[in-house]
Amino acid sequence: MAQRNNHLDVFWVGPDGSVRSHWWDGGGASGAWAAHPSFSITSPSAAATSSAVAAVVQRNNHLDVFWVGSNGAVRSQWWDGGGASGAWAAHGSFDIAPPGSSAPQ
């Protein structure tokens, strides 16, 4: 997924059920994949471990990520590059459809 030119973000579900991310930026050596570690954007058990993950760019420097929780809820988390209040860790993930809305994978 590309939120802007020369930048990539990837998302997946980790073995502990957390939704994880990693990024690459072509602006220099500090943006190389190996220059920084991957990280969790949710707490453990937020996702069914076999859930697919979808990500959407709403506008420049804003990402929305979606997945199915272990209880069948459809869940989301967002990031916005406009300041500290938009950081992944500044807010928790949340249900956009209640438990049982989807069959956990």
C-alpha atoms as a PDB file:
ATOM      1  CA  MET A   1       0.000   0.000   0.000  1.00  0.00           C
ATOM      2  CA  ALA A   2       1.326   3.464  -0.841  1.00  0.00           C
ATOM      3  CA  GLN A   3       0.183   6.404   1.241  1.00  0.00           C
ATOM      4  CA  ARG A   4       2.420   8.732  -0.775  1.00  0.00           C
ATOM      5  CA  ASN A   5       4.980   8.481  -3.570  1.00  0.00           C
ATOM      6  CA  ASN A   6       8.058   6.403  -2.782  1.00  0.00           C
ATOM      7  CA  HIS A   7       6.652   4.991   0.485  1.00  0.00           C
ATOM      8  CA  LEU A   8       5.160   1.549   1.265  1.00  0.00           C
ATOM      9  CA  ASP A   9       3.328   0.192   4.303  1.00  0.00           C
ATOM     10  CA  VAL A  10       2.547  -3.511   4.808  1.00  0.00           C
ATOM     11  CA  PHE A  11       0.270  -5.147   7.407  1.00  0.00           C
ATOM     12  CA  TRP A  12      -0.247  -8.726   8.621  1.00  0.00           C
ATOM     13  CA  VAL A  13      -1.518 -10.679  11.636  1.00  0.00           C
ATOM     14  CA  GLY A  14       1.218 -11.925  13.953  1.00  0.00           C
ATOM     15  CA  PRO A  15       1.214 -15.317  15.705  1.00  0.00           C
ATOM     16  CA  ASP A  16      -0.104 -13.644  18.889  1.00  0.00           C
ATOM     17  CA  GLY A  17      -3.120 -12.147  17.075  1.00  0.00           C
ATOM     18  CA  SER A  18      -1.707  -8.623  16.966  1.00  0.00           C
ATOM     19  CA  VAL A  19      -1.894  -6.666  13.712  1.00  0.00           C
ATOM     20  CA  ARG A  20       1.650  -5.773  12.707  1.00  0.00           C
ATOM     21  CA  SER A  21       3.221  -3.324  10.271  1.00  0.00           C
ATOM     22  CA  HIS A  22       6.457  -2.447   8.567  1.00  0.00           C
ATOM     23  CA  TRP A  23       7.329   0.369   6.192  1.00  0.00           C
ATOM     24  CA  TRP A  24       9.835   1.376   3.538  1.00  0.00           C
ATOM     25  CA  ASP A  25      10.598   4.879   2.323  1.00  0.00           C
ATOM     26  CA  GLY A  26      12.767   5.680  -0.699  1.00  0.00           C
ATOM     27  CA  GLY A  27      13.920   8.986   0.792  1.00  0.00           C
ATOM     28  CA  GLY A  28      17.228   7.619   2.120  1.00  0.00           C
ATOM     29  CA  ALA A  29      19.008   4.873   4.059  1.00  0.00           C
ATOM     30  CA  SER A  30      16.945   5.480   7.230  1.00  0.00           C
ATOM     31  CA  GLY A  31      13.839   4.364   5.327  1.00  0.00           C
ATOM     32  CA  ALA A  32      15.210   0.980   4.216  1.00  0.00           C
ATOM     33  CA  TRP A  33      13.348  -2.139   5.424  1.00  0.00           C
ATOM     34  CA  ALA A  34      16.352  -3.235   7.497  1.00  0.00           C
ATOM     35  CA  ALA A  35      16.857   0.210   9.093  1.00  0.00           C
ATOM     36  CA  HIS A  36      14.029  -0.276  11.601  1.00  0.00           C
ATOM     37  CA  PRO A  37      11.968  -3.153  13.048  1.00  0.00           C
ATOM     38  CA  SER A  38       8.379  -4.136  12.344  1.00  0.00           C
ATOM     39  CA  PHE A  39       5.890  -3.204  15.078  1.00  0.00           C
ATOM     40  CA  SER A  40       2.377  -3.947  16.365  1.00  0.00           C
ATOM     41  CA  ILE A  41      -0.455  -1.498  15.701  1.00  0.00           C
ATOM     42  CA  THR A  42      -2.787  -3.404  18.069  1.00  0.00           C
ATOM     43  CA  SER A  43      -2.575  -5.401  21.235  1.00  0.00           C
ATOM     44  CA  PRO A  44      -2.219  -9.207  21.110  1.00  0.00           C
ATOM     45  CA  SER A  45      -5.438 -11.150  20.373  1.00  0.00           C
ATOM     46  CA  ALA A  46      -6.978  -8.239  18.399  1.00  0.00           C
ATOM     47  CA  ALA A  47      -7.282 -10.402  15.269  1.00  0.00           C
ATOM     48  CA  ALA A  48      -8.089 -13.976  14.375  1.00  0.00           C
ATOM     49  CA  THR A  49      -4.634 -15.383  13.590  1.00  0.00           C
ATOM     50  CA  SER A  50      -5.720 -16.443  10.091  1.00  0.00           C
ATOM     51  CA  SER A  51      -7.588 -13.205   9.294  1.00  0.00           C
ATOM     52  CA  ALA A  52      -6.851 -11.267   6.146  1.00  0.00           C
ATOM     53  CA  VAL A  53      -5.918  -7.601   6.576  1.00  0.00           C
ATOM     54  CA  ALA A  54      -7.048  -4.770   4.317  1.00  0.00           C
ATOM     55  CA  ALA A  55      -5.621  -1.256   4.302  1.00  0.00           C
ATOM     56  CA  VAL A  56      -6.926   1.873   2.624  1.00  0.00           C
ATOM     57  CA  VAL A  57      -5.475   5.326   2.056  1.00  0.00           C
ATOM     58  CA  GLN A  58      -8.285   7.834   2.631  1.00  0.00           C
ATOM     59  CA  ARG A  59      -6.110  10.825   1.903  1.00  0.00           C
ATOM     60  CA  ASN A  60      -2.407  11.686   1.927  1.00  0.00           C
ATOM     61  CA  ASN A  61      -0.807  10.627   5.251  1.00  0.00           C
ATOM     62  CA  HIS A  62      -3.887   8.804   6.583  1.00  0.00           C
ATOM     63  CA  LEU A  63      -4.263   5.001   6.757  1.00  0.00           C
ATOM     64  CA  ASP A  64      -7.205   2.824   7.808  1.00  0.00           C
ATOM     65  CA  VAL A  65      -6.622  -0.894   8.473  1.00  0.00           C
ATOM     66  CA  PHE A  66      -9.369  -3.566   8.773  1.00  0.00           C
ATOM     67  CA  TRP A  67      -9.448  -7.238   9.880  1.00  0.00           C
ATOM     68  CA  VAL A  68     -11.673  -9.873  11.542  1.00  0.00           C
ATOM     69  CA  GLY A  69     -11.288 -10.376  15.284  1.00  0.00           C
ATOM     70  CA  SER A  70     -11.199 -13.778  16.958  1.00  0.00           C
ATOM     71  CA  ASN A  71     -14.827 -13.194  18.065  1.00  0.00           C
ATOM     72  CA  GLY A  72     -16.042 -12.443  14.514  1.00  0.00           C
ATOM     73  CA  ALA A  73     -16.145  -8.656  14.963  1.00  0.00           C
ATOM     74  CA  VAL A  74     -14.900  -6.556  12.054  1.00  0.00           C
ATOM     75  CA  ARG A  75     -12.228  -4.308  13.548  1.00  0.00           C
ATOM     76  CA  SER A  76     -10.233  -1.238  12.533  1.00  0.00           C
ATOM     77  CA  GLN A  77      -7.281   0.918  13.504  1.00  0.00           C
ATOM     78  CA  TRP A  78      -6.086   4.160  11.903  1.00  0.00           C
ATOM     79  CA  TRP A  79      -2.998   6.343  11.623  1.00  0.00           C
ATOM     80  CA  ASP A  80      -2.791   9.984  10.644  1.00  0.00           C
ATOM     81  CA  GLY A  81       0.478  11.808  10.002  1.00  0.00           C
ATOM     82  CA  GLY A  82      -0.958  15.142  11.156  1.00  0.00           C
ATOM     83  CA  GLY A  83       0.471  14.949  14.677  1.00  0.00           C
ATOM     84  CA  ALA A  84       0.974  12.877  17.826  1.00  0.00           C
ATOM     85  CA  SER A  85      -2.780  12.315  18.330  1.00  0.00           C
ATOM     86  CA  GLY A  86      -2.840  10.356  15.062  1.00  0.00           C
ATOM     87  CA  ALA A  87      -0.055   7.913  15.988  1.00  0.00           C
ATOM     88  CA  TRP A  88      -0.920   4.181  16.127  1.00  0.00           C
ATOM     89  CA  ALA A  89      -0.298   4.084  19.882  1.00  0.00           C
ATOM     90  CA  ALA A  90      -2.375   7.224  20.603  1.00  0.00           C
ATOM     91  CA  HIS A  91      -5.660   5.284  20.385  1.00  0.00           C
ATOM     92  CA  GLY A  92      -6.865   1.692  20.384  1.00  0.00           C
ATOM     93  CA  SER A  93      -8.400  -0.463  17.704  1.00  0.00           C
ATOM     94  CA  PHE A  94     -12.190  -0.680  17.645  1.00  0.00           C
ATOM     95  CA  ASP A  95     -15.114  -2.717  16.307  1.00  0.00           C
ATOM     96  CA  ILE A  96     -16.893  -1.419  13.216  1.00  0.00           C
ATOM     97  CA  ALA A  97     -19.262  -4.413  13.186  1.00  0.00           C
ATOM     98  CA  PRO A  98     -20.150  -6.355  16.358  1.00  0.00           C
ATOM     99  CA  PRO A  99     -18.921  -9.791  17.416  1.00  0.00           C
ATOM    100  CA  GLY A 100     -20.407 -12.550  15.282  1.00  0.00           C
ATOM    101  CA  SER A 101     -20.674 -10.316  12.192  1.00  0.00           C
ATOM    102  CA  SER A 102     -18.100 -12.447  10.383  1.00  0.00           C
ATOM    103  CA  ALA A 103     -16.944 -15.995  10.833  1.00  0.00           C
ATOM    104  CA  PRO A 104     -13.477 -15.963  12.404  1.00  0.00           C
ATOM    105  CA  GLN A 105     -11.038 -17.464   9.934  1.00  0.00           C
END
